[in-house]
Structure formats: structure tokens, C-alpha cells
């Protein structure tokens, strides 16, 4: 005789577990922070800044003072963006051979904004602020070259062999009648010499202008 089968009762489906609040906050706090900062900046740029400028014109403020005031607002808007980018690189310092140069390049942002703001407020001493900016600009150009070289050597370990096989580069119009730019390692060496030469000359001419 066949053994009767016992049919198991249908069980309700298990509920899908929902993530707890602390799990959601741990995953999406960066996104929420970015959205909040973006909305705050848009509010300042589209609402607060026009109201302040209108108030200055209504009070018949001088043009130089109004320009200095507006420059100060944009400087204050620039500094948090710079600090955010700087902290992101410091907290995620996973590629030092590239991020070291990126951090140095990022410093040009507050230097430019503070230099412009101080130049409008103290025009008689603007040449000294501009000197600091020009010197650091030359340093940034050198670091940008180092960044490119480190990136290429990291992505292409056989970079020297590839450059050796590279054919000479012709100059674009109207310099096409000149001798083609040499390829290979000579091309890379002349790029280094050109950037370093500009960096040194930029610093010397800036100091002489004082």
C-alpha cells in the first residue's frame, strides 16, 4: 500500500528585512551632505548675494568697496569647496604618487581668491600678494608636470620603450615650416627642461618686479 503524503501547510513569505536607520545613514550620509551643501551654495548665490549687492547700491556705496565686498563673498564660497576637496584626498590617500601633487595643485584655489580679495582691499600692497601668487603658480606648474609623468609611468611601465618608438611630431600651422619636434625620450626630456626653465624664470622675473 502507498504511504499517504502529508501536505505541509503554506507558510507566509518571510518579510524582506528593511535596513535600519543607522545603516541607511552610514551608506548615504555622503550623498546627503553633498546635496545639502549644493542647495546651500545655490541659495547663497541666487538669493543672499543679489540681496547684499542691491543693499550696497541702495546705500550708494563706493564701487571699489562694492567690488571688494563681492570678492569677499566669493572667497568665502571658495574656501569650503577647497577644504572639501582637500579632506577627501587626505581621507582617501590611496595613491600617494598622484595625490601628493594634486593636493599641492589644489592650494592654488585659495591663494588666487585671497590674493584677489586683498588686492582690492589694499591696492597699494597688491604687488606683494601678486608675487606670492606668481611664485606658487610656477610651483604648481612644476607639480602638474610631475603628476603627468607619475601617472604615465604608473599606467605604462614601458613608457620609455613606447616613447623611443614614437615618430617625430610636426608643428601645426603656421609653424609647419620648422623642424619636426623630436620623438622618443628626447621629447620627454625637452618637456621637462621647458617646464623647469619656465618655473625658474617666472620666479626670478617676479622677484625682480618687486
N, C-alpha and C. Protein backbone atom coordinates (compact mmCIF):
# COMPACT_ATOMS: atom_id res chain seq x y z
N UNK A 1 0.84 -1.20 0.00
CA UNK A 1 0.00 0.00 0.00
C UNK A 1 0.88 1.26 0.00
N UNK A 2 0.41 2.26 -0.73
CA UNK A 2 1.17 3.52 -0.81
C UNK A 2 1.01 4.32 0.47
N UNK A 3 2.11 4.87 0.90
CA UNK A 3 2.09 5.68 2.12
C UNK A 3 1.51 7.05 1.80
N UNK A 4 0.49 7.46 2.51
CA UNK A 4 -0.09 8.78 2.21
C UNK A 4 0.89 9.89 2.56
N UNK A 5 0.97 10.86 1.67
CA UNK A 5 1.87 12.01 1.88
C UNK A 5 1.15 13.08 2.69
N UNK A 6 1.90 13.64 3.58
CA UNK A 6 1.35 14.70 4.43
C UNK A 6 1.71 16.05 3.80
N UNK A 7 0.72 16.81 3.45
CA UNK A 7 0.94 18.11 2.82
C UNK A 7 1.22 19.16 3.88
N UNK A 8 2.37 19.81 3.73
CA UNK A 8 2.74 20.84 4.70
C UNK A 8 1.91 22.09 4.47
N UNK A 9 1.52 22.73 5.53
CA UNK A 9 0.72 23.96 5.36
C UNK A 9 1.55 25.07 4.73
N UNK A 10 0.88 25.89 3.92
CA UNK A 10 1.55 27.01 3.27
C UNK A 10 1.93 28.06 4.32
N UNK A 11 3.23 28.37 4.33
CA UNK A 11 3.71 29.37 5.27
C UNK A 11 3.75 30.74 4.59
N UNK A 12 3.45 31.77 5.31
CA UNK A 12 3.51 33.11 4.70
C UNK A 12 4.95 33.46 4.35
N UNK A 13 5.15 34.21 3.27
CA UNK A 13 6.53 34.58 2.89
C UNK A 13 7.19 35.43 3.97
N UNK A 14 8.47 35.18 4.12
CA UNK A 14 9.21 35.95 5.12
C UNK A 14 9.31 37.40 4.69
N UNK A 15 9.10 38.30 5.61
CA UNK A 15 9.20 39.73 5.24
C UNK A 15 10.64 40.10 4.89
N UNK A 16 10.75 40.97 3.90
CA UNK A 16 12.07 41.44 3.49
C UNK A 16 12.60 42.39 4.55
N UNK A 17 13.76 42.10 5.09
CA UNK A 17 14.28 42.98 6.15
C UNK A 17 14.61 44.36 5.60
N UNK A 18 14.17 45.35 6.31
CA UNK A 18 14.46 46.73 5.93
C UNK A 18 15.70 47.22 6.67
N UNK A 19 16.53 47.97 5.98
CA UNK A 19 17.73 48.46 6.66
C UNK A 19 17.37 49.43 7.77
N UNK A 20 18.09 49.33 8.86
CA UNK A 20 17.87 50.23 9.97
C UNK A 20 18.32 51.64 9.61
N UNK A 21 17.91 52.56 10.44
CA UNK A 21 18.22 53.96 10.17
C UNK A 21 19.71 54.23 10.19
N UNK A 22 20.42 53.60 11.14
CA UNK A 22 21.86 53.86 11.23
C UNK A 22 22.60 53.26 10.03
N UNK A 23 22.06 52.14 9.46
CA UNK A 23 22.68 51.57 8.27
C UNK A 23 22.48 52.49 7.08
N UNK A 24 21.26 53.03 6.95
CA UNK A 24 20.99 53.96 5.84
C UNK A 24 21.85 55.21 5.95
N UNK A 25 21.97 55.73 7.16
CA UNK A 25 22.79 56.93 7.35
C UNK A 25 24.26 56.64 7.05
N UNK A 26 24.71 55.44 7.42
CA UNK A 26 26.10 55.11 7.17
C UNK A 26 26.42 54.97 5.69
N UNK A 27 25.42 54.59 4.88
CA UNK A 27 25.66 54.41 3.46
C UNK A 27 25.48 55.69 2.66
N UNK A 28 24.51 56.50 3.04
CA UNK A 28 24.12 57.62 2.20
C UNK A 28 24.40 58.98 2.82
N UNK A 29 25.20 59.04 3.88
CA UNK A 29 25.45 60.33 4.50
C UNK A 29 26.28 61.24 3.60
N UNK A 30 27.17 60.65 2.80
CA UNK A 30 27.96 61.47 1.89
C UNK A 30 27.07 62.12 0.83
N UNK A 31 26.12 61.33 0.29
CA UNK A 31 25.22 61.87 -0.71
C UNK A 31 24.34 62.97 -0.12
N UNK A 32 23.83 62.73 1.09
CA UNK A 32 23.01 63.76 1.73
C UNK A 32 23.79 65.02 2.03
N UNK A 33 25.05 64.86 2.42
CA UNK A 33 25.88 66.03 2.70
C UNK A 33 26.16 66.82 1.43
N UNK A 34 26.43 66.12 0.33
CA UNK A 34 26.69 66.81 -0.92
C UNK A 34 25.46 67.58 -1.40
N UNK A 35 24.28 66.95 -1.27
CA UNK A 35 23.05 67.63 -1.69
C UNK A 35 22.79 68.85 -0.82
N UNK A 36 23.01 68.72 0.48
CA UNK A 36 22.78 69.85 1.39
C UNK A 36 23.72 71.01 1.09
N UNK A 37 24.99 70.69 0.87
CA UNK A 37 25.96 71.75 0.57
C UNK A 37 25.64 72.42 -0.76
N UNK A 38 25.23 71.62 -1.74
CA UNK A 38 24.88 72.19 -3.05
C UNK A 38 23.69 73.13 -2.94
N UNK A 39 22.66 72.72 -2.21
CA UNK A 39 21.49 73.57 -2.04
C UNK A 39 21.84 74.84 -1.28
N UNK A 40 22.71 74.72 -0.28
CA UNK A 40 23.11 75.90 0.48
C UNK A 40 23.87 76.89 -0.40
N UNK A 41 24.75 76.38 -1.24
CA UNK A 41 25.51 77.26 -2.12
C UNK A 41 24.60 77.93 -3.15
N UNK A 42 23.65 77.19 -3.68
CA UNK A 42 22.72 77.78 -4.63
C UNK A 42 21.88 78.87 -3.97
N UNK A 43 21.49 78.64 -2.72
CA UNK A 43 20.71 79.65 -2.00
C UNK A 43 21.53 80.92 -1.78
N UNK A 44 22.80 80.74 -1.43
CA UNK A 44 23.66 81.91 -1.19
C UNK A 44 23.90 82.68 -2.49
N UNK A 45 24.15 81.94 -3.58
CA UNK A 45 24.45 82.60 -4.84
C UNK A 45 23.24 83.27 -5.46
N UNK A 46 22.08 82.62 -5.38
CA UNK A 46 20.89 83.12 -6.08
C UNK A 46 20.02 84.04 -5.24
N UNK A 47 20.15 83.98 -3.91
CA UNK A 47 19.28 84.78 -3.05
C UNK A 47 20.09 85.78 -2.22
N UNK A 48 21.01 85.28 -1.43
CA UNK A 48 21.72 86.16 -0.49
C UNK A 48 22.62 87.15 -1.21
N UNK A 49 23.39 86.68 -2.18
CA UNK A 49 24.32 87.58 -2.87
C UNK A 49 23.61 88.71 -3.61
N UNK A 50 22.56 88.46 -4.41
CA UNK A 50 21.86 89.59 -5.04
C UNK A 50 21.28 90.57 -4.04
N UNK A 51 20.75 90.08 -2.91
CA UNK A 51 20.19 90.98 -1.91
C UNK A 51 21.27 91.87 -1.30
N UNK A 52 22.43 91.31 -1.02
CA UNK A 52 23.51 92.11 -0.44
C UNK A 52 24.02 93.15 -1.43
N UNK A 53 24.16 92.77 -2.69
CA UNK A 53 24.61 93.73 -3.70
C UNK A 53 23.59 94.85 -3.88
N UNK A 54 22.31 94.49 -3.89
CA UNK A 54 21.26 95.51 -4.02
C UNK A 54 21.28 96.46 -2.83
N UNK A 55 21.55 95.92 -1.64
CA UNK A 55 21.62 96.77 -0.45
C UNK A 55 22.80 97.73 -0.54
N UNK A 56 23.92 97.28 -1.09
CA UNK A 56 25.07 98.16 -1.25
C UNK A 56 24.77 99.30 -2.22
N UNK A 57 24.13 98.98 -3.34
CA UNK A 57 23.80 100.03 -4.30
C UNK A 57 22.75 100.98 -3.74
N UNK A 58 21.86 100.48 -2.93
CA UNK A 58 20.84 101.35 -2.35
C UNK A 58 21.45 102.33 -1.36
N UNK A 59 22.50 101.90 -0.67
CA UNK A 59 23.18 102.77 0.28
C UNK A 59 24.24 103.63 -0.40
N UNK A 60 24.34 103.55 -1.74
CA UNK A 60 25.29 104.35 -2.53
C UNK A 60 26.73 104.12 -2.06
N UNK A 61 27.09 102.85 -1.93
CA UNK A 61 28.46 102.52 -1.55
C UNK A 61 29.40 102.75 -2.73
N UNK A 62 30.67 102.97 -2.43
CA UNK A 62 31.65 103.19 -3.48
C UNK A 62 31.84 101.92 -4.31
N UNK A 63 32.23 102.14 -5.57
CA UNK A 63 32.40 100.99 -6.47
C UNK A 63 33.50 100.06 -5.98
N UNK A 64 34.60 100.63 -5.51
CA UNK A 64 35.71 99.80 -5.03
C UNK A 64 35.30 98.98 -3.81
N UNK A 65 34.51 99.59 -2.93
CA UNK A 65 34.06 98.85 -1.75
C UNK A 65 33.09 97.74 -2.13
N UNK A 66 32.21 98.03 -3.10
CA UNK A 66 31.27 97.00 -3.56
C UNK A 66 32.01 95.83 -4.19
N UNK A 67 33.04 96.14 -5.01
CA UNK A 67 33.81 95.07 -5.64
C UNK A 67 34.54 94.24 -4.59
N UNK A 68 35.11 94.92 -3.60
CA UNK A 68 35.80 94.19 -2.53
C UNK A 68 34.83 93.32 -1.73
N UNK A 69 33.64 93.82 -1.51
CA UNK A 69 32.64 93.08 -0.75
C UNK A 69 32.20 91.83 -1.50
N UNK A 70 31.92 91.97 -2.79
CA UNK A 70 31.50 90.82 -3.61
C UNK A 70 32.64 89.81 -3.71
N UNK A 71 33.88 90.30 -3.87
CA UNK A 71 35.03 89.38 -3.93
C UNK A 71 35.19 88.61 -2.63
N UNK A 72 34.91 89.26 -1.51
CA UNK A 72 34.99 88.57 -0.23
C UNK A 72 33.95 87.46 -0.10
N UNK A 73 32.76 87.70 -0.64
CA UNK A 73 31.72 86.67 -0.60
C UNK A 73 32.15 85.45 -1.41
N UNK A 74 32.65 85.70 -2.61
CA UNK A 74 33.08 84.57 -3.45
C UNK A 74 34.30 83.88 -2.86
N UNK A 75 35.15 84.62 -2.16
CA UNK A 75 36.28 83.98 -1.49
C UNK A 75 35.79 83.04 -0.40
N UNK A 76 34.79 83.47 0.37
CA UNK A 76 34.23 82.61 1.41
C UNK A 76 33.51 81.41 0.82
N UNK A 77 32.98 81.54 -0.39
CA UNK A 77 32.37 80.39 -1.05
C UNK A 77 33.43 79.43 -1.59
N UNK A 78 34.60 79.96 -1.91
CA UNK A 78 35.65 79.13 -2.49
C UNK A 78 36.34 78.27 -1.43
N UNK A 79 36.56 78.82 -0.25
CA UNK A 79 37.32 78.11 0.77
C UNK A 79 36.69 76.79 1.19
N UNK A 80 35.36 76.71 1.43
CA UNK A 80 34.79 75.40 1.79
C UNK A 80 34.93 74.36 0.68
N UNK A 81 34.82 74.80 -0.58
CA UNK A 81 35.00 73.85 -1.68
C UNK A 81 36.42 73.31 -1.69
N UNK A 82 37.39 74.20 -1.47
CA UNK A 82 38.78 73.76 -1.42
C UNK A 82 39.02 72.80 -0.25
N UNK A 83 38.48 73.14 0.92
CA UNK A 83 38.68 72.27 2.08
C UNK A 83 38.01 70.92 1.89
N UNK A 84 36.86 70.90 1.24
CA UNK A 84 36.18 69.63 0.98
C UNK A 84 37.03 68.73 0.07
N UNK A 85 37.54 69.30 -1.02
CA UNK A 85 38.40 68.51 -1.90
C UNK A 85 39.68 68.06 -1.22
N UNK A 86 40.26 68.94 -0.40
CA UNK A 86 41.49 68.59 0.31
C UNK A 86 41.25 67.45 1.30
N UNK A 87 40.16 67.54 2.06
CA UNK A 87 39.86 66.49 3.04
C UNK A 87 39.54 65.17 2.37
N UNK A 88 38.88 65.20 1.22
CA UNK A 88 38.57 63.96 0.51
C UNK A 88 39.85 63.24 0.09
N UNK A 89 40.84 64.00 -0.35
CA UNK A 89 42.10 63.36 -0.73
C UNK A 89 42.86 62.86 0.50
N UNK A 90 42.82 63.61 1.59
CA UNK A 90 43.53 63.18 2.79
C UNK A 90 42.88 61.96 3.43
N UNK A 91 41.55 61.88 3.39
CA UNK A 91 40.85 60.73 3.97
C UNK A 91 40.95 59.50 3.08
N UNK A 92 41.13 59.70 1.79
CA UNK A 92 41.25 58.58 0.84
C UNK A 92 42.62 58.62 0.16
N UNK A 93 43.64 58.64 0.99
CA UNK A 93 45.01 58.77 0.49
C UNK A 93 45.52 57.40 0.07
N UNK A 94 45.01 56.92 -1.06
CA UNK A 94 45.33 55.57 -1.52
C UNK A 94 46.39 55.55 -2.62
N UNK A 95 46.63 56.67 -3.28
CA UNK A 95 47.63 56.75 -4.34
C UNK A 95 48.54 57.95 -4.09
N UNK A 96 49.47 57.81 -3.16
CA UNK A 96 50.32 58.97 -2.80
C UNK A 96 51.12 59.52 -3.96
N UNK A 97 51.51 58.66 -4.91
CA UNK A 97 52.34 59.14 -6.02
C UNK A 97 51.58 60.11 -6.92
N UNK A 98 50.24 60.12 -6.86
CA UNK A 98 49.44 61.06 -7.63
C UNK A 98 48.79 62.13 -6.75
N UNK A 99 48.27 61.72 -5.60
CA UNK A 99 47.53 62.65 -4.76
C UNK A 99 48.42 63.70 -4.11
N UNK A 100 49.69 63.40 -3.96
CA UNK A 100 50.60 64.38 -3.38
C UNK A 100 50.67 65.63 -4.26
N UNK A 101 50.77 65.43 -5.57
CA UNK A 101 50.79 66.57 -6.49
C UNK A 101 49.42 67.23 -6.59
N UNK A 102 48.35 66.43 -6.52
CA UNK A 102 47.01 67.01 -6.61
C UNK A 102 46.74 67.95 -5.44
N UNK A 103 47.16 67.56 -4.25
CA UNK A 103 46.96 68.41 -3.07
C UNK A 103 47.72 69.72 -3.22
N UNK A 104 48.92 69.65 -3.75
CA UNK A 104 49.69 70.89 -3.96
C UNK A 104 49.02 71.78 -5.00
N UNK A 105 48.43 71.18 -6.03
CA UNK A 105 47.76 71.97 -7.05
C UNK A 105 46.49 72.60 -6.50
N UNK A 106 45.79 71.91 -5.61
CA UNK A 106 44.54 72.44 -5.06
C UNK A 106 44.76 73.73 -4.27
N UNK A 107 45.95 73.91 -3.71
CA UNK A 107 46.20 75.10 -2.91
C UNK A 107 46.19 76.38 -3.74
N UNK A 108 46.26 76.27 -5.06
CA UNK A 108 46.23 77.47 -5.89
C UNK A 108 44.87 78.15 -5.83
N UNK A 109 43.81 77.40 -5.51
CA UNK A 109 42.46 77.97 -5.47
C UNK A 109 42.32 79.01 -4.36
N UNK A 110 42.61 78.69 -3.09
CA UNK A 110 42.50 79.75 -2.07
C UNK A 110 43.54 80.85 -2.24
N UNK A 111 44.72 80.51 -2.77
CA UNK A 111 45.73 81.55 -2.97
C UNK A 111 45.26 82.58 -3.98
N UNK A 112 44.65 82.14 -5.06
CA UNK A 112 44.13 83.08 -6.07
C UNK A 112 43.00 83.93 -5.50
N UNK A 113 42.07 83.30 -4.79
CA UNK A 113 40.91 84.04 -4.28
C UNK A 113 41.32 85.04 -3.20
N UNK A 114 42.20 84.63 -2.29
CA UNK A 114 42.65 85.54 -1.23
C UNK A 114 43.49 86.67 -1.82
N UNK A 115 44.31 86.35 -2.82
CA UNK A 115 45.11 87.38 -3.47
C UNK A 115 44.23 88.44 -4.13
N UNK A 116 43.18 88.01 -4.82
CA UNK A 116 42.28 88.97 -5.46
C UNK A 116 41.56 89.83 -4.43
N UNK A 117 41.13 89.20 -3.35
CA UNK A 117 40.40 89.94 -2.31
C UNK A 117 41.29 90.96 -1.62
N UNK A 118 42.51 90.57 -1.27
CA UNK A 118 43.44 91.51 -0.63
C UNK A 118 43.88 92.61 -1.59
N UNK A 119 44.02 92.26 -2.88
CA UNK A 119 44.41 93.28 -3.85
C UNK A 119 43.36 94.37 -4.02
N UNK A 120 42.08 94.00 -3.91
CA UNK A 120 41.01 95.00 -3.99
C UNK A 120 40.92 95.83 -2.71
N UNK A 121 41.21 95.20 -1.59
CA UNK A 121 41.09 95.92 -0.31
C UNK A 121 42.31 96.79 -0.04
N UNK A 122 43.49 96.32 -0.40
CA UNK A 122 44.73 97.08 -0.17
C UNK A 122 45.48 97.20 -1.49
N UNK A 123 45.06 98.10 -2.37
CA UNK A 123 45.68 98.18 -3.71
C UNK A 123 47.15 98.59 -3.68
N UNK A 124 47.58 99.31 -2.64
CA UNK A 124 48.98 99.73 -2.59
C UNK A 124 49.94 98.57 -2.32
N UNK A 125 49.45 97.53 -1.69
CA UNK A 125 50.30 96.36 -1.40
C UNK A 125 49.95 95.16 -2.28
N UNK A 126 49.19 95.41 -3.35
CA UNK A 126 48.76 94.29 -4.21
C UNK A 126 49.93 93.59 -4.87
N UNK A 127 51.01 94.33 -5.13
CA UNK A 127 52.14 93.71 -5.82
C UNK A 127 52.78 92.61 -4.99
N UNK A 128 52.72 92.73 -3.67
CA UNK A 128 53.31 91.70 -2.81
C UNK A 128 52.44 90.44 -2.80
N UNK A 129 51.12 90.63 -2.76
CA UNK A 129 50.23 89.46 -2.83
C UNK A 129 50.37 88.77 -4.19
N UNK A 130 50.50 89.59 -5.25
CA UNK A 130 50.66 89.00 -6.58
C UNK A 130 51.98 88.24 -6.71
N UNK A 131 53.00 88.69 -5.98
CA UNK A 131 54.28 87.99 -6.02
C UNK A 131 54.15 86.59 -5.44
N UNK A 132 53.46 86.49 -4.32
CA UNK A 132 53.24 85.17 -3.71
C UNK A 132 52.45 84.27 -4.67
N UNK A 133 51.45 84.84 -5.32
CA UNK A 133 50.64 84.05 -6.25
C UNK A 133 51.46 83.57 -7.44
N UNK A 134 52.28 84.47 -8.01
CA UNK A 134 53.07 84.10 -9.18
C UNK A 134 54.10 83.01 -8.84
N UNK A 135 54.72 83.12 -7.67
CA UNK A 135 55.71 82.12 -7.28
C UNK A 135 55.04 80.76 -7.09
N UNK A 136 53.89 80.75 -6.44
CA UNK A 136 53.22 79.46 -6.24
C UNK A 136 52.64 78.93 -7.55
N UNK A 137 52.27 79.81 -8.45
CA UNK A 137 51.78 79.35 -9.75
C UNK A 137 52.87 78.60 -10.51
N UNK A 138 54.10 79.09 -10.44
CA UNK A 138 55.21 78.38 -11.07
C UNK A 138 55.44 77.03 -10.40
N UNK A 139 55.30 76.99 -9.08
CA UNK A 139 55.45 75.72 -8.36
C UNK A 139 54.35 74.73 -8.73
N UNK A 140 53.14 75.23 -8.94
CA UNK A 140 52.03 74.38 -9.35
C UNK A 140 52.27 73.80 -10.74
N UNK A 141 52.81 74.60 -11.64
CA UNK A 141 53.10 74.11 -12.98
C UNK A 141 54.11 72.97 -12.94
N UNK A 142 55.12 73.10 -12.10
CA UNK A 142 56.10 72.03 -11.94
C UNK A 142 55.44 70.76 -11.37
N UNK A 143 54.55 70.92 -10.40
CA UNK A 143 53.87 69.76 -9.82
C UNK A 143 52.92 69.11 -10.81
N UNK A 144 52.34 69.90 -11.69
CA UNK A 144 51.47 69.32 -12.71
C UNK A 144 52.27 68.44 -13.67
N UNK A 145 53.47 68.88 -14.01
CA UNK A 145 54.34 68.04 -14.84
C UNK A 145 54.69 66.75 -14.11
N UNK A 146 55.01 66.84 -12.82
CA UNK A 146 55.32 65.64 -12.04
C UNK A 146 54.12 64.70 -11.98
N UNK A 147 52.93 65.28 -11.86
CA UNK A 147 51.72 64.46 -11.83
C UNK A 147 51.53 63.70 -13.14
N UNK A 148 51.72 64.38 -14.26
CA UNK A 148 51.57 63.72 -15.56
C UNK A 148 52.60 62.60 -15.74
N UNK A 149 53.84 62.87 -15.36
CA UNK A 149 54.88 61.85 -15.52
C UNK A 149 54.62 60.65 -14.61
N UNK A 150 54.21 60.90 -13.38
CA UNK A 150 53.92 59.78 -12.47
C UNK A 150 52.74 58.96 -12.96
N UNK A 151 51.73 59.65 -13.49
CA UNK A 151 50.56 58.93 -14.00
C UNK A 151 50.93 58.07 -15.20
N UNK A 152 51.70 58.63 -16.13
CA UNK A 152 52.07 57.87 -17.32
C UNK A 152 52.97 56.68 -16.97
N UNK A 153 53.91 56.89 -16.06
CA UNK A 153 54.80 55.80 -15.68
C UNK A 153 54.07 54.72 -14.89
N UNK A 154 53.04 55.10 -14.15
CA UNK A 154 52.27 54.10 -13.40
C UNK A 154 51.35 53.31 -14.32
N UNK A 155 50.72 53.99 -15.28
CA UNK A 155 49.81 53.32 -16.20
C UNK A 155 50.56 52.56 -17.29
N UNK A 156 51.73 53.05 -17.66
CA UNK A 156 52.51 52.43 -18.73
C UNK A 156 53.94 52.22 -18.22
N UNK A 157 54.21 51.07 -17.59
CA UNK A 157 55.58 50.84 -17.09
C UNK A 157 56.63 50.86 -18.19
N UNK A 158 56.23 50.52 -19.42
CA UNK A 158 57.17 50.54 -20.54
C UNK A 158 57.10 51.86 -21.30
N UNK A 159 56.95 52.95 -20.56
CA UNK A 159 56.79 54.26 -21.19
C UNK A 159 58.01 54.64 -22.02
N UNK A 160 59.20 54.36 -21.51
CA UNK A 160 60.41 54.74 -22.23
C UNK A 160 60.51 54.01 -23.57
N UNK A 161 60.13 52.74 -23.59
CA UNK A 161 60.17 52.00 -24.86
C UNK A 161 59.16 52.55 -25.85
N UNK A 162 57.97 52.90 -25.37
CA UNK A 162 56.95 53.46 -26.27
C UNK A 162 57.38 54.81 -26.81
N UNK A 163 58.01 55.61 -25.98
CA UNK A 163 58.47 56.92 -26.45
C UNK A 163 59.61 56.78 -27.45
N UNK A 164 60.41 55.74 -27.28
CA UNK A 164 61.50 55.53 -28.22
C UNK A 164 60.97 55.22 -29.61
N UNK A 165 59.85 54.49 -29.68
CA UNK A 165 59.27 54.13 -30.97
C UNK A 165 58.39 55.24 -31.54
N UNK A 166 58.22 56.31 -30.81
CA UNK A 166 57.34 57.40 -31.26
C UNK A 166 58.02 58.21 -32.35
N UNK A 167 57.28 58.49 -33.41
CA UNK A 167 57.83 59.24 -34.53
C UNK A 167 57.84 60.73 -34.21
N UNK A 168 58.68 61.51 -34.89
CA UNK A 168 58.71 62.97 -34.65
C UNK A 168 57.36 63.62 -34.92
N UNK A 169 57.10 64.69 -34.20
CA UNK A 169 55.82 65.40 -34.29
C UNK A 169 56.00 66.66 -35.11
N UNK A 170 55.15 66.84 -36.10
CA UNK A 170 55.20 68.04 -36.93
C UNK A 170 54.48 69.19 -36.24
N UNK A 171 54.99 70.38 -36.43
CA UNK A 171 54.39 71.56 -35.83
C UNK A 171 53.14 71.96 -36.61
N UNK A 172 52.12 72.46 -35.91
CA UNK A 172 50.91 72.91 -36.62
C UNK A 172 51.15 74.23 -37.34
N UNK A 173 50.21 74.59 -38.19
CA UNK A 173 50.26 75.86 -38.91
C UNK A 173 50.13 77.00 -37.89
N UNK A 174 50.92 78.07 -37.98
CA UNK A 174 51.82 78.48 -39.07
C UNK A 174 53.27 78.10 -38.84
N UNK A 175 53.55 77.19 -37.91
CA UNK A 175 54.93 76.79 -37.62
C UNK A 175 55.30 75.49 -38.32
N UNK A 176 54.54 75.13 -39.36
CA UNK A 176 54.78 73.84 -40.02
C UNK A 176 56.10 73.81 -40.78
N UNK A 177 56.68 74.99 -41.06
CA UNK A 177 57.94 75.02 -41.79
C UNK A 177 59.14 74.74 -40.89
N UNK A 178 58.93 74.71 -39.58
CA UNK A 178 60.02 74.45 -38.65
C UNK A 178 60.36 72.97 -38.62
N UNK A 179 61.49 72.67 -38.03
CA UNK A 179 61.94 71.30 -37.93
C UNK A 179 61.01 70.50 -37.02
N UNK A 180 60.62 69.28 -37.40
CA UNK A 180 59.71 68.49 -36.55
C UNK A 180 60.27 68.28 -35.15
N UNK A 181 59.34 68.22 -34.21
CA UNK A 181 59.73 68.00 -32.81
C UNK A 181 60.24 66.58 -32.64
N UNK A 182 61.41 66.38 -32.02
CA UNK A 182 61.95 65.02 -31.93
C UNK A 182 61.09 64.13 -31.05
N UNK A 183 61.05 62.86 -31.39
CA UNK A 183 60.28 61.90 -30.60
C UNK A 183 61.15 61.17 -29.61
N UNK A 184 60.56 60.17 -28.97
CA UNK A 184 61.31 59.35 -28.03
C UNK A 184 61.59 60.05 -26.72
N UNK A 185 62.64 59.59 -26.04
CA UNK A 185 62.99 60.15 -24.74
C UNK A 185 63.46 61.59 -24.85
N UNK A 186 63.94 61.97 -26.01
CA UNK A 186 64.37 63.35 -26.20
C UNK A 186 63.19 64.31 -26.08
N UNK A 187 62.05 63.89 -26.58
CA UNK A 187 60.84 64.71 -26.46
C UNK A 187 60.46 64.91 -24.99
N UNK A 188 60.51 63.83 -24.20
CA UNK A 188 60.18 63.92 -22.79
C UNK A 188 61.19 64.79 -22.05
N UNK A 189 62.46 64.66 -22.39
CA UNK A 189 63.49 65.44 -21.72
C UNK A 189 63.33 66.93 -22.00
N UNK A 190 62.99 67.28 -23.24
CA UNK A 190 62.81 68.69 -23.56
C UNK A 190 61.55 69.26 -22.91
N UNK A 191 60.54 68.43 -22.71
CA UNK A 191 59.36 68.90 -21.96
C UNK A 191 59.74 69.24 -20.52
N UNK A 192 60.55 68.40 -19.90
CA UNK A 192 60.99 68.68 -18.53
C UNK A 192 61.83 69.95 -18.49
N UNK A 193 62.74 70.09 -19.44
CA UNK A 193 63.60 71.28 -19.47
C UNK A 193 62.77 72.54 -19.66
N UNK A 194 61.78 72.48 -20.56
CA UNK A 194 60.95 73.66 -20.81
C UNK A 194 60.16 74.09 -19.60
N UNK A 195 59.55 73.13 -18.90
CA UNK A 195 58.76 73.48 -17.72
C UNK A 195 59.65 73.99 -16.60
N UNK A 196 60.77 73.34 -16.36
CA UNK A 196 61.67 73.79 -15.30
C UNK A 196 62.26 75.16 -15.63
N UNK A 197 62.55 75.39 -16.89
CA UNK A 197 63.07 76.69 -17.29
C UNK A 197 62.03 77.79 -17.05
N UNK A 198 60.79 77.51 -17.42
CA UNK A 198 59.73 78.50 -17.19
C UNK A 198 59.54 78.75 -15.70
N UNK A 199 59.61 77.68 -14.90
CA UNK A 199 59.42 77.84 -13.46
C UNK A 199 60.47 78.75 -12.85
N UNK A 200 61.73 78.53 -13.21
CA UNK A 200 62.81 79.35 -12.66
C UNK A 200 62.70 80.79 -13.14
N UNK A 201 62.45 80.98 -14.44
CA UNK A 201 62.36 82.34 -14.99
C UNK A 201 61.16 83.08 -14.40
N UNK A 202 60.05 82.38 -14.21
CA UNK A 202 58.86 83.02 -13.62
C UNK A 202 59.14 83.53 -12.22
N UNK A 203 59.83 82.74 -11.42
CA UNK A 203 60.15 83.17 -10.05
C UNK A 203 61.13 84.34 -10.07
N UNK A 204 62.15 84.28 -10.93
CA UNK A 204 63.15 85.35 -10.98
C UNK A 204 62.53 86.67 -11.45
N UNK A 205 61.74 86.62 -12.51
CA UNK A 205 61.12 87.86 -13.01
C UNK A 205 60.12 88.43 -12.02
N UNK A 206 59.44 87.57 -11.28
CA UNK A 206 58.51 88.06 -10.27
C UNK A 206 59.24 88.77 -9.14
N UNK A 207 60.36 88.21 -8.71
CA UNK A 207 61.14 88.85 -7.65
C UNK A 207 61.80 90.14 -8.13
N UNK A 208 62.22 90.16 -9.40
CA UNK A 208 62.83 91.38 -9.94
C UNK A 208 61.80 92.51 -10.03
N UNK A 209 60.54 92.15 -10.31
CA UNK A 209 59.49 93.17 -10.44
C UNK A 209 59.21 93.89 -9.13
N UNK A 210 59.63 93.32 -8.01
CA UNK A 210 59.43 94.00 -6.73
C UNK A 210 60.29 95.25 -6.64
